[in-house]
């Protein structure tokens, strides 16, 4: 199993980023997928997930209305569109297949002016 996150970077408050997570080594279309994040000095927290076929999504209150999770099963990729970013969104962002105990290396998102 391999999960490779990308798309992070430095962005000003109010800006947007789109993260990608390329998956391999398992049947991607059979698994729900999640995004987590870990800010400095804090525990890793769940922020959103999507069902295997993309029919249902869930969001943490902290990102609801600003972040959108989506997936392309033909490309074995899950995305996280992040809009109206705030300094408190600064963290390393990780994707994870639900029910599988594998993590990628994460991608750093820094929101700062």
PDB file of N, CA and C in Angstrom:
ATOM      1  N   UNK A   1       0.854  -1.183   0.000  1.00  0.00           N
ATOM      2  CA  UNK A   1       0.000   0.000   0.000  1.00  0.00           C
ATOM      3  C   UNK A   1       0.892   1.235   0.000  1.00  0.00           C
ATOM      4  N   UNK A   2       0.571   2.167  -0.892  1.00  0.00           N
ATOM      5  CA  UNK A   2       1.310   3.422  -0.937  1.00  0.00           C
ATOM      6  C   UNK A   2       0.329   4.571  -1.119  1.00  0.00           C
ATOM      7  N   UNK A   3       0.532   5.609  -0.322  1.00  0.00           N
ATOM      8  CA  UNK A   3      -0.276   6.818  -0.395  1.00  0.00           C
ATOM      9  C   UNK A   3       0.686   7.995  -0.513  1.00  0.00           C
ATOM     10  N   UNK A   4       0.548   8.781  -1.558  1.00  0.00           N
ATOM     11  CA  UNK A   4       1.460   9.888  -1.808  1.00  0.00           C
ATOM     12  C   UNK A   4       0.666  11.184  -1.909  1.00  0.00           C
ATOM     13  N   UNK A   5       0.805  12.019  -0.884  1.00  0.00           N
ATOM     14  CA  UNK A   5       0.122  13.307  -0.852  1.00  0.00           C
ATOM     15  C   UNK A   5       0.974  14.365  -1.538  1.00  0.00           C
ATOM     16  N   UNK A   6       0.311  15.317  -2.163  1.00  0.00           N
ATOM     17  CA  UNK A   6       1.008  16.423  -2.820  1.00  0.00           C
ATOM     18  C   UNK A   6       0.088  17.622  -2.889  1.00  0.00           C
ATOM     19  N   UNK A   7       0.665  18.773  -3.236  1.00  0.00           N
ATOM     20  CA  UNK A   7      -0.131  19.973  -3.435  1.00  0.00           C
ATOM     21  C   UNK A   7      -0.047  20.985  -2.322  1.00  0.00           C
ATOM     22  N   UNK A   8       0.646  20.669  -1.252  1.00  0.00           N
ATOM     23  CA  UNK A   8       0.777  21.618  -0.164  1.00  0.00           C
ATOM     24  C   UNK A   8       1.677  22.779  -0.523  1.00  0.00           C
ATOM     25  N   UNK A   9       1.739  23.742   0.392  1.00  0.00           N
ATOM     26  CA  UNK A   9       2.589  24.903   0.164  1.00  0.00           C
ATOM     27  C   UNK A   9       2.258  26.022   1.109  1.00  0.00           C
ATOM     28  N   UNK A  10       2.797  27.187   0.781  1.00  0.00           N
ATOM     29  CA  UNK A  10       2.557  28.390   1.573  1.00  0.00           C
ATOM     30  C   UNK A  10       1.489  29.221   0.873  1.00  0.00           C
ATOM     31  N   UNK A  11       0.475  29.621   1.616  1.00  0.00           N
ATOM     32  CA  UNK A  11      -0.615  30.406   1.039  1.00  0.00           C
ATOM     33  C   UNK A  11      -1.027  31.475   2.038  1.00  0.00           C
ATOM     34  N   UNK A  12      -1.504  32.605   1.526  1.00  0.00           N
ATOM     35  CA  UNK A  12      -1.970  33.661   2.403  1.00  0.00           C
ATOM     36  C   UNK A  12      -3.356  33.350   2.943  1.00  0.00           C
ATOM     37  N   UNK A  13      -3.701  33.912   4.090  1.00  0.00           N
ATOM     38  CA  UNK A  13      -5.074  33.732   4.601  1.00  0.00           C
ATOM     39  C   UNK A  13      -6.099  34.135   3.556  1.00  0.00           C
ATOM     40  N   UNK A  14      -7.150  33.318   3.448  1.00  0.00           N
ATOM     41  CA  UNK A  14      -8.169  33.549   2.433  1.00  0.00           C
ATOM     42  C   UNK A  14      -7.888  32.857   1.119  1.00  0.00           C
ATOM     43  N   UNK A  15      -6.694  32.315   0.977  1.00  0.00           N
ATOM     44  CA  UNK A  15      -6.326  31.655  -0.263  1.00  0.00           C
ATOM     45  C   UNK A  15      -6.830  30.226  -0.360  1.00  0.00           C
ATOM     46  N   UNK A  16      -6.452  29.560  -1.446  1.00  0.00           N
ATOM     47  CA  UNK A  16      -6.914  28.200  -1.715  1.00  0.00           C
ATOM     48  C   UNK A  16      -5.753  27.300  -2.099  1.00  0.00           C
ATOM     49  N   UNK A  17      -5.930  26.027  -1.821  1.00  0.00           N
ATOM     50  CA  UNK A  17      -5.012  24.988  -2.260  1.00  0.00           C
ATOM     51  C   UNK A  17      -5.818  23.745  -2.587  1.00  0.00           C
ATOM     52  N   UNK A  18      -5.282  22.936  -3.481  1.00  0.00           N
ATOM     53  CA  UNK A  18      -5.891  21.643  -3.782  1.00  0.00           C
ATOM     54  C   UNK A  18      -4.857  20.558  -3.535  1.00  0.00           C
ATOM     55  N   UNK A  19      -5.141  19.698  -2.579  1.00  0.00           N
ATOM     56  CA  UNK A  19      -4.262  18.580  -2.278  1.00  0.00           C
ATOM     57  C   UNK A  19      -4.698  17.354  -3.057  1.00  0.00           C
ATOM     58  N   UNK A  20      -3.733  16.523  -3.402  1.00  0.00           N
ATOM     59  CA  UNK A  20      -4.000  15.251  -4.059  1.00  0.00           C
ATOM     60  C   UNK A  20      -3.359  14.132  -3.268  1.00  0.00           C
ATOM     61  N   UNK A  21      -3.946  12.960  -3.372  1.00  0.00           N
ATOM     62  CA  UNK A  21      -3.383  11.764  -2.741  1.00  0.00           C
ATOM     63  C   UNK A  21      -3.495  10.628  -3.754  1.00  0.00           C
ATOM     64  N   UNK A  22      -2.361  10.203  -4.258  1.00  0.00           N
ATOM     65  CA  UNK A  22      -2.325   9.098  -5.211  1.00  0.00           C
ATOM     66  C   UNK A  22      -2.137   7.788  -4.459  1.00  0.00           C
ATOM     67  N   UNK A  23      -3.033   6.848  -4.700  1.00  0.00           N
ATOM     68  CA  UNK A  23      -3.026   5.583  -3.979  1.00  0.00           C
ATOM     69  C   UNK A  23      -2.642   4.428  -4.881  1.00  0.00           C
ATOM     70  N   UNK A  24      -1.982   3.445  -4.308  1.00  0.00           N
ATOM     71  CA  UNK A  24      -1.633   2.230  -5.053  1.00  0.00           C
ATOM     72  C   UNK A  24      -1.465   1.083  -4.069  1.00  0.00           C
ATOM     73  N   UNK A  25      -1.511  -0.134  -4.605  1.00  0.00           N
ATOM     74  CA  UNK A  25      -1.284  -1.311  -3.780  1.00  0.00           C
ATOM     75  C   UNK A  25      -2.537  -1.916  -3.166  1.00  0.00           C
ATOM     76  N   UNK A  26      -3.691  -1.333  -3.463  1.00  0.00           N
ATOM     77  CA  UNK A  26      -4.953  -1.888  -3.006  1.00  0.00           C
ATOM     78  C   UNK A  26      -6.042  -1.466  -3.986  1.00  0.00           C
ATOM     79  N   UNK A  27      -7.199  -2.084  -3.870  1.00  0.00           N
ATOM     80  CA  UNK A  27      -8.298  -1.766  -4.788  1.00  0.00           C
ATOM     81  C   UNK A  27      -8.975  -0.492  -4.315  1.00  0.00           C
ATOM     82  N   UNK A  28      -8.510   0.612  -4.854  1.00  0.00           N
ATOM     83  CA  UNK A  28      -8.893   1.943  -4.386  1.00  0.00           C
ATOM     84  C   UNK A  28     -10.412   2.129  -4.362  1.00  0.00           C
ATOM     85  N   UNK A  29     -11.091   1.668  -5.376  1.00  0.00           N
ATOM     86  CA  UNK A  29     -12.522   1.932  -5.499  1.00  0.00           C
ATOM     87  C   UNK A  29     -13.366   1.183  -4.481  1.00  0.00           C
ATOM     88  N   UNK A  30     -12.762   0.326  -3.702  1.00  0.00           N
ATOM     89  CA  UNK A  30     -13.509  -0.437  -2.690  1.00  0.00           C
ATOM     90  C   UNK A  30     -13.408   0.177  -1.300  1.00  0.00           C
ATOM     91  N   UNK A  31     -12.605   1.237  -1.176  1.00  0.00           N
ATOM     92  CA  UNK A  31     -12.365   1.796   0.144  1.00  0.00           C
ATOM     93  C   UNK A  31     -12.800   3.252   0.249  1.00  0.00           C
ATOM     94  N   UNK A  32     -13.462   3.566   1.369  1.00  0.00           N
ATOM     95  CA  UNK A  32     -13.618   4.958   1.699  1.00  0.00           C
ATOM     96  C   UNK A  32     -12.260   5.563   1.996  1.00  0.00           C
ATOM     97  N   UNK A  33     -12.167   6.858   1.810  1.00  0.00           N
ATOM     98  CA  UNK A  33     -10.905   7.560   2.024  1.00  0.00           C
ATOM     99  C   UNK A  33     -11.123   8.740   2.958  1.00  0.00           C
ATOM    100  N   UNK A  34     -10.084   9.046   3.707  1.00  0.00           N
ATOM    101  CA  UNK A  34     -10.151  10.139   4.675  1.00  0.00           C
ATOM    102  C   UNK A  34      -8.953  11.057   4.525  1.00  0.00           C
ATOM    103  N   UNK A  35      -9.140  12.299   4.966  1.00  0.00           N
ATOM    104  CA  UNK A  35      -8.033  13.226   5.149  1.00  0.00           C
ATOM    105  C   UNK A  35      -7.932  13.547   6.636  1.00  0.00           C
ATOM    106  N   UNK A  36      -6.699  13.613   7.100  1.00  0.00           N
ATOM    107  CA  UNK A  36      -6.379  14.018   8.458  1.00  0.00           C
ATOM    108  C   UNK A  36      -5.356  15.152   8.384  1.00  0.00           C
ATOM    109  N   UNK A  37      -5.176  15.817   9.502  1.00  0.00           N
ATOM    110  CA  UNK A  37      -4.110  16.805   9.585  1.00  0.00           C
ATOM    111  C   UNK A  37      -3.517  16.814  10.988  1.00  0.00           C
ATOM    112  N   UNK A  38      -2.270  17.246  11.051  1.00  0.00           N
ATOM    113  CA  UNK A  38      -1.589  17.339  12.341  1.00  0.00           C
ATOM    114  C   UNK A  38      -0.830  18.651  12.401  1.00  0.00           C
ATOM    115  N   UNK A  39      -1.276  19.494  13.309  1.00  0.00           N
ATOM    116  CA  UNK A  39      -0.614  20.781  13.524  1.00  0.00           C
ATOM    117  C   UNK A  39       0.522  20.604  14.524  1.00  0.00           C
ATOM    118  N   UNK A  40       1.502  21.505  14.507  1.00  0.00           N
ATOM    119  CA  UNK A  40       2.628  21.396  15.447  1.00  0.00           C
ATOM    120  C   UNK A  40       2.154  21.320  16.892  1.00  0.00           C
ATOM    121  N   UNK A  41       2.632  20.324  17.609  1.00  0.00           N
ATOM    122  CA  UNK A  41       2.309  20.187  19.021  1.00  0.00           C
ATOM    123  C   UNK A  41       0.920  19.642  19.309  1.00  0.00           C
ATOM    124  N   UNK A  42       0.200  19.230  18.258  1.00  0.00           N
ATOM    125  CA  UNK A  42      -1.164  18.720  18.447  1.00  0.00           C
ATOM    126  C   UNK A  42      -1.289  17.300  17.908  1.00  0.00           C
ATOM    127  N   UNK A  43      -2.334  16.643  18.325  1.00  0.00           N
ATOM    128  CA  UNK A  43      -2.597  15.292  17.834  1.00  0.00           C
ATOM    129  C   UNK A  43      -3.154  15.355  16.404  1.00  0.00           C
ATOM    130  N   UNK A  44      -2.962  14.262  15.688  1.00  0.00           N
ATOM    131  CA  UNK A  44      -3.525  14.156  14.352  1.00  0.00           C
ATOM    132  C   UNK A  44      -5.047  14.130  14.467  1.00  0.00           C
ATOM    133  N   UNK A  45      -5.733  14.887  13.623  1.00  0.00           N
ATOM    134  CA  UNK A  45      -7.182  14.958  13.695  1.00  0.00           C
ATOM    135  C   UNK A  45      -7.803  14.636  12.340  1.00  0.00           C
ATOM    136  N   UNK A  46      -8.937  13.949  12.405  1.00  0.00           N
ATOM    137  CA  UNK A  46      -9.709  13.669  11.210  1.00  0.00           C
ATOM    138  C   UNK A  46     -10.408  14.936  10.752  1.00  0.00           C
ATOM    139  N   UNK A  47     -10.451  15.173   9.426  1.00  0.00           N
ATOM    140  CA  UNK A  47     -11.153  16.357   8.957  1.00  0.00           C
ATOM    141  C   UNK A  47     -12.248  16.033   7.945  1.00  0.00           C
ATOM    142  N   UNK A  48     -12.112  14.951   7.178  1.00  0.00           N
ATOM    143  CA  UNK A  48     -13.150  14.650   6.206  1.00  0.00           C
ATOM    144  C   UNK A  48     -12.988  13.231   5.682  1.00  0.00           C
ATOM    145  N   UNK A  49     -14.093  12.660   5.196  1.00  0.00           N
ATOM    146  CA  UNK A  49     -13.996  11.384   4.504  1.00  0.00           C
ATOM    147  C   UNK A  49     -15.038  11.287   3.406  1.00  0.00           C
ATOM    148  N   UNK A  50     -14.828  10.299   2.540  1.00  0.00           N
ATOM    149  CA  UNK A  50     -15.697  10.087   1.389  1.00  0.00           C
ATOM    150  C   UNK A  50     -15.856   8.582   1.198  1.00  0.00           C
ATOM    151  N   UNK A  51     -17.065   8.166   0.831  1.00  0.00           N
ATOM    152  CA  UNK A  51     -17.315   6.748   0.634  1.00  0.00           C
ATOM    153  C   UNK A  51     -16.628   6.239  -0.636  1.00  0.00           C
ATOM    154  N   UNK A  52     -16.634   4.938  -0.803  1.00  0.00           N
ATOM    155  CA  UNK A  52     -15.844   4.306  -1.865  1.00  0.00           C
ATOM    156  C   UNK A  52     -16.211   4.796  -3.264  1.00  0.00           C
ATOM    157  N   UNK A  53     -17.483   5.056  -3.491  1.00  0.00           N
ATOM    158  CA  UNK A  53     -17.923   5.518  -4.805  1.00  0.00           C
ATOM    159  C   UNK A  53     -18.180   7.019  -4.842  1.00  0.00           C
ATOM    160  N   UNK A  54     -17.888   7.683  -3.751  1.00  0.00           N
ATOM    161  CA  UNK A  54     -18.014   9.136  -3.708  1.00  0.00           C
ATOM    162  C   UNK A  54     -19.406   9.649  -3.447  1.00  0.00           C
ATOM    163  N   UNK A  55     -20.316   8.775  -3.036  1.00  0.00           N
ATOM    164  CA  UNK A  55     -21.695   9.202  -2.887  1.00  0.00           C
ATOM    165  C   UNK A  55     -22.000   9.944  -1.601  1.00  0.00           C
ATOM    166  N   UNK A  56     -21.101   9.851  -0.630  1.00  0.00           N
ATOM    167  CA  UNK A  56     -21.358  10.501   0.651  1.00  0.00           C
ATOM    168  C   UNK A  56     -20.055  11.034   1.234  1.00  0.00           C
ATOM    169  N   UNK A  57     -20.160  12.200   1.853  1.00  0.00           N
ATOM    170  CA  UNK A  57     -18.999  12.830   2.471  1.00  0.00           C
ATOM    171  C   UNK A  57     -19.356  13.315   3.871  1.00  0.00           C
ATOM    172  N   UNK A  58     -18.325  13.466   4.693  1.00  0.00           N
ATOM    173  CA  UNK A  58     -18.486  14.005   6.033  1.00  0.00           C
ATOM    174  C   UNK A  58     -17.339  14.972   6.304  1.00  0.00           C
ATOM    175  N   UNK A  59     -17.619  15.978   7.138  1.00  0.00           N
ATOM    176  CA  UNK A  59     -16.622  16.992   7.425  1.00  0.00           C
ATOM    177  C   UNK A  59     -16.610  17.327   8.910  1.00  0.00           C
ATOM    178  N   UNK A  60     -15.425  17.614   9.414  1.00  0.00           N
ATOM    179  CA  UNK A  60     -15.321  18.177  10.752  1.00  0.00           C
ATOM    180  C   UNK A  60     -15.872  19.603  10.726  1.00  0.00           C
ATOM    181  N   UNK A  61     -16.400  20.030  11.845  1.00  0.00           N
ATOM    182  CA  UNK A  61     -16.987  21.372  11.913  1.00  0.00           C
ATOM    183  C   UNK A  61     -15.966  22.451  11.557  1.00  0.00           C
ATOM    184  N   UNK A  62     -14.713  22.207  11.873  1.00  0.00           N
ATOM    185  CA  UNK A  62     -13.678  23.209  11.663  1.00  0.00           C
ATOM    186  C   UNK A  62     -13.425  23.510  10.185  1.00  0.00           C
ATOM    187  N   UNK A  63     -13.825  22.604   9.284  1.00  0.00           N
ATOM    188  CA  UNK A  63     -13.551  22.807   7.862  1.00  0.00           C
ATOM    189  C   UNK A  63     -14.825  22.818   7.018  1.00  0.00           C
ATOM    190  N   UNK A  64     -15.957  22.534   7.625  1.00  0.00           N
ATOM    191  CA  UNK A  64     -17.215  22.447   6.885  1.00  0.00           C
ATOM    192  C   UNK A  64     -17.514  23.769   6.197  1.00  0.00           C
ATOM    193  N   UNK A  65     -17.870  23.685   4.924  1.00  0.00           N
ATOM    194  CA  UNK A  65     -18.181  24.880   4.158  1.00  0.00           C
ATOM    195  C   UNK A  65     -16.975  25.514   3.491  1.00  0.00           C
ATOM    196  N   UNK A  66     -15.776  25.071   3.858  1.00  0.00           N
ATOM    197  CA  UNK A  66     -14.550  25.616   3.258  1.00  0.00           C
ATOM    198  C   UNK A  66     -13.767  24.558   2.479  1.00  0.00           C
ATOM    199  N   UNK A  67     -13.809  23.323   2.943  1.00  0.00           N
ATOM    200  CA  UNK A  67     -13.056  22.235   2.306  1.00  0.00           C
ATOM    201  C   UNK A  67     -14.028  21.298   1.592  1.00  0.00           C
ATOM    202  N   UNK A  68     -13.565  20.712   0.492  1.00  0.00           N
ATOM    203  CA  UNK A  68     -14.355  19.738  -0.251  1.00  0.00           C
ATOM    204  C   UNK A  68     -13.492  18.542  -0.610  1.00  0.00           C
ATOM    205  N   UNK A  69     -13.939  17.362  -0.230  1.00  0.00           N
ATOM    206  CA  UNK A  69     -13.246  16.131  -0.601  1.00  0.00           C
ATOM    207  C   UNK A  69     -13.907  15.554  -1.845  1.00  0.00           C
ATOM    208  N   UNK A  70     -13.093  14.991  -2.723  1.00  0.00           N
ATOM    209  CA  UNK A  70     -13.612  14.323  -3.915  1.00  0.00           C
ATOM    210  C   UNK A  70     -12.637  13.214  -4.295  1.00  0.00           C
ATOM    211  N   UNK A  71     -13.044  12.388  -5.227  1.00  0.00           N
ATOM    212  CA  UNK A  71     -12.173  11.305  -5.652  1.00  0.00           C
ATOM    213  C   UNK A  71     -12.406  10.977  -7.110  1.00  0.00           C
ATOM    214  N   UNK A  72     -11.370  10.401  -7.725  1.00  0.00           N
ATOM    215  CA  UNK A  72     -11.445   9.924  -9.103  1.00  0.00           C
ATOM    216  C   UNK A  72     -10.955   8.474  -9.072  1.00  0.00           C
ATOM    217  N   UNK A  73     -11.871   7.548  -9.098  1.00  0.00           N
ATOM    218  CA  UNK A  73     -11.491   6.135  -8.976  1.00  0.00           C
ATOM    219  C   UNK A  73     -10.738   5.644 -10.206  1.00  0.00           C
ATOM    220  N   UNK A  74     -10.917   6.296 -11.333  1.00  0.00           N
ATOM    221  CA  UNK A  74     -10.159   5.916 -12.535  1.00  0.00           C
ATOM    222  C   UNK A  74      -8.683   6.278 -12.385  1.00  0.00           C
ATOM    223  N   UNK A  75      -8.397   7.271 -11.561  1.00  0.00           N
ATOM    224  CA  UNK A  75      -7.016   7.713 -11.346  1.00  0.00           C
ATOM    225  C   UNK A  75      -6.476   7.286  -9.988  1.00  0.00           C
ATOM    226  N   UNK A  76      -7.272   6.542  -9.227  1.00  0.00           N
ATOM    227  CA  UNK A  76      -6.854   6.123  -7.871  1.00  0.00           C
ATOM    228  C   UNK A  76      -6.370   7.309  -7.046  1.00  0.00           C
ATOM    229  N   UNK A  77      -7.126   8.375  -7.100  1.00  0.00           N
ATOM    230  CA  UNK A  77      -6.701   9.614  -6.441  1.00  0.00           C
ATOM    231  C   UNK A  77      -7.863  10.231  -5.674  1.00  0.00           C
ATOM    232  N   UNK A  78      -7.553  10.727  -4.491  1.00  0.00           N
ATOM    233  CA  UNK A  78      -8.511  11.495  -3.707  1.00  0.00           C
ATOM    234  C   UNK A  78      -7.969  12.920  -3.569  1.00  0.00           C
ATOM    235  N   UNK A  79      -8.878  13.869  -3.574  1.00  0.00           N
ATOM    236  CA  UNK A  79      -8.510  15.285  -3.560  1.00  0.00           C
ATOM    237  C   UNK A  79      -9.088  15.982  -2.335  1.00  0.00           C
ATOM    238  N   UNK A  80      -8.455  17.085  -1.974  1.00  0.00           N
ATOM    239  CA  UNK A  80      -8.995  17.957  -0.950  1.00  0.00           C
ATOM    240  C   UNK A  80      -8.858  19.394  -1.435  1.00  0.00           C
ATOM    241  N   UNK A  81      -9.984  19.994  -1.804  1.00  0.00           N
ATOM    242  CA  UNK A  81     -10.013  21.396  -2.197  1.00  0.00           C
ATOM    243  C   UNK A  81     -10.210  22.224  -0.941  1.00  0.00           C
ATOM    244  N   UNK A  82      -9.285  23.127  -0.682  1.00  0.00           N
ATOM    245  CA  UNK A  82      -9.326  23.945   0.531  1.00  0.00           C
ATOM    246  C   UNK A  82      -9.447  25.400   0.138  1.00  0.00           C
ATOM    247  N   UNK A  83     -10.546  26.017   0.538  1.00  0.00           N
ATOM    248  CA  UNK A  83     -10.795  27.431   0.239  1.00  0.00           C
ATOM    249  C   UNK A  83     -10.850  28.238   1.524  1.00  0.00           C
ATOM    250  N   UNK A  84     -10.708  29.536   1.384  1.00  0.00           N
ATOM    251  CA  UNK A  84     -10.779  30.449   2.533  1.00  0.00           C
ATOM    252  C   UNK A  84      -9.893  29.949   3.683  1.00  0.00           C
ATOM    253  N   UNK A  85      -8.665  29.658   3.357  1.00  0.00           N
ATOM    254  CA  UNK A  85      -7.752  29.093   4.347  1.00  0.00           C
ATOM    255  C   UNK A  85      -7.438  30.083   5.456  1.00  0.00           C
ATOM    256  N   UNK A  86      -7.265  29.536   6.646  1.00  0.00           N
ATOM    257  CA  UNK A  86      -6.995  30.333   7.838  1.00  0.00           C
ATOM    258  C   UNK A  86      -5.657  29.894   8.442  1.00  0.00           C
ATOM    259  N   UNK A  87      -5.013  30.754   9.222  1.00  0.00           N
ATOM    260  CA  UNK A  87      -3.751  30.357   9.855  1.00  0.00           C
ATOM    261  C   UNK A  87      -3.870  29.060  10.667  1.00  0.00           C
ATOM    262  N   UNK A  88      -5.023  28.840  11.268  1.00  0.00           N
ATOM    263  CA  UNK A  88      -5.205  27.619  12.070  1.00  0.00           C
ATOM    264  C   UNK A  88      -5.331  26.361  11.218  1.00  0.00           C
ATOM    265  N   UNK A  89      -5.365  26.496   9.907  1.00  0.00           N
ATOM    266  CA  UNK A  89      -5.328  25.327   9.022  1.00  0.00           C
ATOM    267  C   UNK A  89      -3.897  24.848   8.778  1.00  0.00           C
ATOM    268  N   UNK A  90      -2.922  25.586   9.267  1.00  0.00           N
ATOM    269  CA  UNK A  90      -1.529  25.180   9.099  1.00  0.00           C
ATOM    270  C   UNK A  90      -1.291  23.831   9.762  1.00  0.00           C
ATOM    271  N   UNK A  91      -0.803  22.881   8.976  1.00  0.00           N
ATOM    272  CA  UNK A  91      -0.613  21.514   9.468  1.00  0.00           C
ATOM    273  C   UNK A  91       0.005  20.671   8.355  1.00  0.00           C
ATOM    274  N   UNK A  92       0.396  19.472   8.723  1.00  0.00           N
ATOM    275  CA  UNK A  92       0.731  18.455   7.728  1.00  0.00           C
ATOM    276  C   UNK A  92      -0.547  17.675   7.458  1.00  0.00           C
ATOM    277  N   UNK A  93      -0.878  17.523   6.187  1.00  0.00           N
ATOM    278  CA  UNK A  93      -2.120  16.869   5.789  1.00  0.00           C
ATOM    279  C   UNK A  93      -1.813  15.469   5.249  1.00  0.00           C
ATOM    280  N   UNK A  94      -2.603  14.510   5.713  1.00  0.00           N
ATOM    281  CA  UNK A  94      -2.417  13.109   5.350  1.00  0.00           C
ATOM    282  C   UNK A  94      -3.715  12.523   4.796  1.00  0.00           C
ATOM    283  N   UNK A  95      -3.592  11.623   3.861  1.00  0.00           N
ATOM    284  CA  UNK A  95      -4.759  10.839   3.454  1.00  0.00           C
ATOM    285  C   UNK A  95      -4.625   9.425   4.002  1.00  0.00           C
ATOM    286  N   UNK A  96      -5.732   8.751   4.072  1.00  0.00           N
ATOM    287  CA  UNK A  96      -5.749   7.390   4.616  1.00  0.00           C
ATOM    288  C   UNK A  96      -6.939   6.642   4.044  1.00  0.00           C
ATOM    289  N   UNK A  97      -6.713   5.387   3.697  1.00  0.00           N
ATOM    290  CA  UNK A  97      -7.813   4.519   3.315  1.00  0.00           C
ATOM    291  C   UNK A  97      -8.482   4.018   4.594  1.00  0.00           C
ATOM    292  N   UNK A  98      -9.786   4.162   4.656  1.00  0.00           N
ATOM    293  CA  UNK A  98     -10.504   3.684   5.842  1.00  0.00           C
ATOM    294  C   UNK A  98     -10.317   2.173   5.960  1.00  0.00           C
ATOM    295  N   UNK A  99     -10.107   1.712   7.133  1.00  0.00           N
ATOM    296  CA  UNK A  99      -9.928   0.295   7.481  1.00  0.00           C
ATOM    297  C   UNK A  99      -8.543  -0.244   7.134  1.00  0.00           C
ATOM    298  N   UNK A 100      -7.661   0.600   6.557  1.00  0.00           N
ATOM    299  CA  UNK A 100      -6.291   0.180   6.309  1.00  0.00           C
ATOM    300  C   UNK A 100      -5.353   1.018   7.175  1.00  0.00           C
ATOM    301  N   UNK A 101      -4.376   0.368   7.757  1.00  0.00           N
ATOM    302  CA  UNK A 101      -3.489   1.051   8.706  1.00  0.00           C
ATOM    303  C   UNK A 101      -2.218   1.543   8.032  1.00  0.00           C
ATOM    304  N   UNK A 102      -2.388   2.335   6.981  1.00  0.00           N
ATOM    305  CA  UNK A 102      -1.237   2.882   6.266  1.00  0.00           C
ATOM    306  C   UNK A 102      -1.406   4.391   6.142  1.00  0.00           C
ATOM    307  N   UNK A 103      -0.284   5.092   6.249  1.00  0.00           N
ATOM    308  CA  UNK A 103      -0.267   6.537   6.111  1.00  0.00           C
ATOM    309  C   UNK A 103       0.779   6.927   5.062  1.00  0.00           C
ATOM    310  N   UNK A 104       0.525   8.008   4.372  1.00  0.00           N
ATOM    311  CA  UNK A 104       1.539   8.571   3.498  1.00  0.00           C
ATOM    312  C   UNK A 104       2.484   9.450   4.287  1.00  0.00           C
ATOM    313  N   UNK A 105       3.348  10.142   3.567  1.00  0.00           N
ATOM    314  CA  UNK A 105       4.337  10.999   4.229  1.00  0.00           C
ATOM    315  C   UNK A 105       3.749  12.366   4.590  1.00  0.00           C
ATOM    316  N   UNK A 106       2.603  12.662   4.036  1.00  0.00           N
ATOM    317  CA  UNK A 106       1.956  13.940   4.324  1.00  0.00           C
ATOM    318  C   UNK A 106       2.465  15.057   3.433  1.00  0.00           C
ATOM    319  N   UNK A 107       1.703  16.151   3.394  1.00  0.00           N
ATOM    320  CA  UNK A 107       2.106  17.344   2.659  1.00  0.00           C
ATOM    321  C   UNK A 107       1.856  18.558   3.558  1.00  0.00           C
ATOM    322  N   UNK A 108       2.837  19.439   3.626  1.00  0.00           N
ATOM    323  CA  UNK A 108       2.764  20.583   4.533  1.00  0.00           C
ATOM    324  C   UNK A 108       1.937  21.704   3.925  1.00  0.00           C
ATOM    325  N   UNK A 109       0.999  22.207   4.706  1.00  0.00           N
ATOM    326  CA  UNK A 109       0.219  23.390   4.338  1.00  0.00           C
ATOM    327  C   UNK A 109       0.494  24.463   5.379  1.00  0.00           C
ATOM    328  N   UNK A 110       0.952  25.607   4.913  1.00  0.00           N
ATOM    329  CA  UNK A 110       1.228  26.731   5.805  1.00  0.00           C
ATOM    330  C   UNK A 110       0.420  27.932   5.344  1.00  0.00           C
ATOM    331  N   UNK A 111      -0.393  28.463   6.248  1.00  0.00           N
ATOM    332  CA  UNK A 111      -1.234  29.617   5.937  1.00  0.00           C
ATOM    333  C   UNK A 111      -0.705  30.802   6.746  1.00  0.00           C
ATOM    334  N   UNK A 112      -0.131  31.739   6.042  1.00  0.00           N
ATOM    335  CA  UNK A 112       0.510  32.859   6.721  1.00  0.00           C
ATOM    336  C   UNK A 112       0.635  34.039   5.760  1.00  0.00           C
ATOM    337  N   UNK A 113       0.551  35.232   6.329  1.00  0.00           N
ATOM    338  CA  UNK A 113       0.764  36.436   5.520  1.00  0.00           C
ATOM    339  C   UNK A 113       2.220  36.877   5.595  1.00  0.00           C
TER     340      UNK A 113
END
